[in-house]
Amino acid sequence: MRVGAEGRHWVDNSTLGNRAYFQFRETGTQSETGAKVIASILAIDPLVYRDRGNYRCRVDFKEAPTKNTRIHLSLIGKNFFNKK
């Protein structure tokens, strides 16, 4: 989504509820085509042990191919050990 442009954001409320939100910001750099590079973040707060696992992000663009990204979230820390 371009900064200042209209866009829709969808999240599965049964998975993360209202603990998840999407942030984006311009990085001040440009791609090889001259487009602004946007940093995007899915923030989860508070993070709980059951949040570990695989996530998929899909972004549909008006004038470019859809981009799919998959990531595996592992949690490391004393508060997450020995949890089921």
C-alpha atoms as a PDB file:
ATOM      1  CA  MET A   1       0.000   0.000   0.000  1.00  0.00           C
ATOM      2  CA  ARG A   2       1.358   3.417  -0.854  1.00  0.00           C
ATOM      3  CA  VAL A   3       1.625   5.957   1.935  1.00  0.00           C
ATOM      4  CA  GLY A   4      -1.501   8.107   1.873  1.00  0.00           C
ATOM      5  CA  ALA A   5      -3.281   5.832  -0.605  1.00  0.00           C
ATOM      6  CA  GLU A   6      -6.489   3.988   0.104  1.00  0.00           C
ATOM      7  CA  GLY A   7      -6.156   0.293   0.752  1.00  0.00           C
ATOM      8  CA  ARG A   8      -7.842  -2.525   2.583  1.00  0.00           C
ATOM      9  CA  HIS A   9      -6.292  -4.526   5.396  1.00  0.00           C
ATOM     10  CA  TRP A  10      -7.668  -7.911   6.385  1.00  0.00           C
ATOM     11  CA  VAL A  11      -6.745 -10.048   9.373  1.00  0.00           C
ATOM     12  CA  ASP A  12      -8.219 -13.308  10.657  1.00  0.00           C
ATOM     13  CA  ASN A  13      -9.730 -12.203  13.982  1.00  0.00           C
ATOM     14  CA  SER A  14     -10.124 -15.818  15.129  1.00  0.00           C
ATOM     15  CA  THR A  15      -6.326 -16.205  15.015  1.00  0.00           C
ATOM     16  CA  LEU A  16      -4.861 -12.994  16.425  1.00  0.00           C
ATOM     17  CA  GLY A  17      -7.937 -11.007  17.412  1.00  0.00           C
ATOM     18  CA  ASN A  18      -7.279  -7.340  18.087  1.00  0.00           C
ATOM     19  CA  ARG A  19      -3.662  -8.043  19.153  1.00  0.00           C
ATOM     20  CA  ALA A  20      -2.356  -7.665  15.593  1.00  0.00           C
ATOM     21  CA  TYR A  21      -1.918  -4.540  13.520  1.00  0.00           C
ATOM     22  CA  PHE A  22      -0.141  -3.571  10.331  1.00  0.00           C
ATOM     23  CA  GLN A  23       2.378  -0.733  10.105  1.00  0.00           C
ATOM     24  CA  PHE A  24       4.208   0.692   7.114  1.00  0.00           C
ATOM     25  CA  ARG A  25       6.594   3.553   6.472  1.00  0.00           C
ATOM     26  CA  GLU A  26       8.713   4.941   3.682  1.00  0.00           C
ATOM     27  CA  THR A  27      12.387   3.990   3.969  1.00  0.00           C
ATOM     28  CA  GLY A  28      13.739   6.943   2.005  1.00  0.00           C
ATOM     29  CA  THR A  29      15.182   4.624  -0.660  1.00  0.00           C
ATOM     30  CA  GLN A  30      14.013   3.674  -4.132  1.00  0.00           C
ATOM     31  CA  SER A  31      13.884   0.407  -6.046  1.00  0.00           C
ATOM     32  CA  GLU A  32      15.714  -0.139  -9.323  1.00  0.00           C
ATOM     33  CA  THR A  33      12.535   1.058 -11.100  1.00  0.00           C
ATOM     34  CA  GLY A  34      12.445   4.287  -9.083  1.00  0.00           C
ATOM     35  CA  ALA A  35       9.516   3.271  -6.870  1.00  0.00           C
ATOM     36  CA  LYS A  36       9.641   4.223  -3.189  1.00  0.00           C
ATOM     37  CA  VAL A  37      10.618   1.319  -0.929  1.00  0.00           C
ATOM     38  CA  ILE A  38       8.095   0.791   1.868  1.00  0.00           C
ATOM     39  CA  ALA A  39       8.946  -1.138   5.055  1.00  0.00           C
ATOM     40  CA  SER A  40       5.977  -3.084   6.387  1.00  0.00           C
ATOM     41  CA  ILE A  41       5.498  -4.792   9.744  1.00  0.00           C
ATOM     42  CA  LEU A  42       2.892  -7.079  11.252  1.00  0.00           C
ATOM     43  CA  ALA A  43       2.985  -6.288  14.963  1.00  0.00           C
ATOM     44  CA  ILE A  44       1.461  -8.661  17.545  1.00  0.00           C
ATOM     45  CA  ASP A  45       0.997  -7.278  21.043  1.00  0.00           C
ATOM     46  CA  PRO A  46       0.990  -8.972  23.433  1.00  0.00           C
ATOM     47  CA  LEU A  47       2.851 -11.913  21.923  1.00  0.00           C
ATOM     48  CA  VAL A  48       1.859 -15.277  23.415  1.00  0.00           C
ATOM     49  CA  TYR A  49       3.300 -18.775  23.018  1.00  0.00           C
ATOM     50  CA  ARG A  50       0.462 -20.022  20.823  1.00  0.00           C
ATOM     51  CA  ASP A  51       1.389 -17.342  18.232  1.00  0.00           C
ATOM     52  CA  ARG A  52       4.366 -19.432  17.106  1.00  0.00           C
ATOM     53  CA  GLY A  53       4.017 -21.079  13.725  1.00  0.00           C
ATOM     54  CA  ASN A  54       3.692 -20.277  10.048  1.00  0.00           C
ATOM     55  CA  TYR A  55       2.236 -17.041   8.700  1.00  0.00           C
ATOM     56  CA  ARG A  56       1.419 -15.951   5.170  1.00  0.00           C
ATOM     57  CA  CYS A  57       1.041 -12.409   3.875  1.00  0.00           C
ATOM     58  CA  ARG A  58      -0.535 -11.666   0.497  1.00  0.00           C
ATOM     59  CA  VAL A  59      -0.442  -8.228  -1.096  1.00  0.00           C
ATOM     60  CA  ASP A  60      -2.427  -7.461  -4.250  1.00  0.00           C
ATOM     61  CA  PHE A  61      -1.233  -4.528  -6.354  1.00  0.00           C
ATOM     62  CA  LYS A  62      -3.173  -2.598  -8.990  1.00  0.00           C
ATOM     63  CA  GLU A  63      -0.361  -2.589 -11.541  1.00  0.00           C
ATOM     64  CA  ALA A  64       2.019  -5.341 -10.421  1.00  0.00           C
ATOM     65  CA  PRO A  65       1.833  -9.074  -9.684  1.00  0.00           C
ATOM     66  CA  THR A  66       0.495 -10.258  -6.334  1.00  0.00           C
ATOM     67  CA  LYS A  67       3.218 -10.855  -3.751  1.00  0.00           C
ATOM     68  CA  ASN A  68       3.015 -13.758  -1.291  1.00  0.00           C
ATOM     69  CA  THR A  69       5.378 -14.032   1.653  1.00  0.00           C
ATOM     70  CA  ARG A  70       5.621 -16.893   4.125  1.00  0.00           C
ATOM     71  CA  ILE A  71       7.423 -16.730   7.450  1.00  0.00           C
ATOM     72  CA  HIS A  72       7.865 -19.057  10.414  1.00  0.00           C
ATOM     73  CA  LEU A  73       7.687 -17.418  13.842  1.00  0.00           C
ATOM     74  CA  SER A  74       9.759 -19.124  16.557  1.00  0.00           C
ATOM     75  CA  LEU A  75       9.661 -17.846  20.118  1.00  0.00           C
ATOM     76  CA  ILE A  76      12.785 -17.970  22.272  1.00  0.00           C
ATOM     77  CA  GLY A  77      12.872 -16.781  25.870  1.00  0.00           C
ATOM     78  CA  LYS A  78      12.434 -17.908  29.434  1.00  0.00           C
ATOM     79  CA  ASN A  79       8.739 -16.959  29.451  1.00  0.00           C
ATOM     80  CA  PHE A  80       8.009 -19.306  26.521  1.00  0.00           C
ATOM     81  CA  PHE A  81       9.719 -22.517  27.691  1.00  0.00           C
ATOM     82  CA  ASN A  82       7.717 -25.535  28.848  1.00  0.00           C
ATOM     83  CA  LYS A  83       4.442 -24.163  27.442  1.00  0.00           C
ATOM     84  CA  LYS A  84       1.953 -26.266  25.523  1.00  0.00           C
END
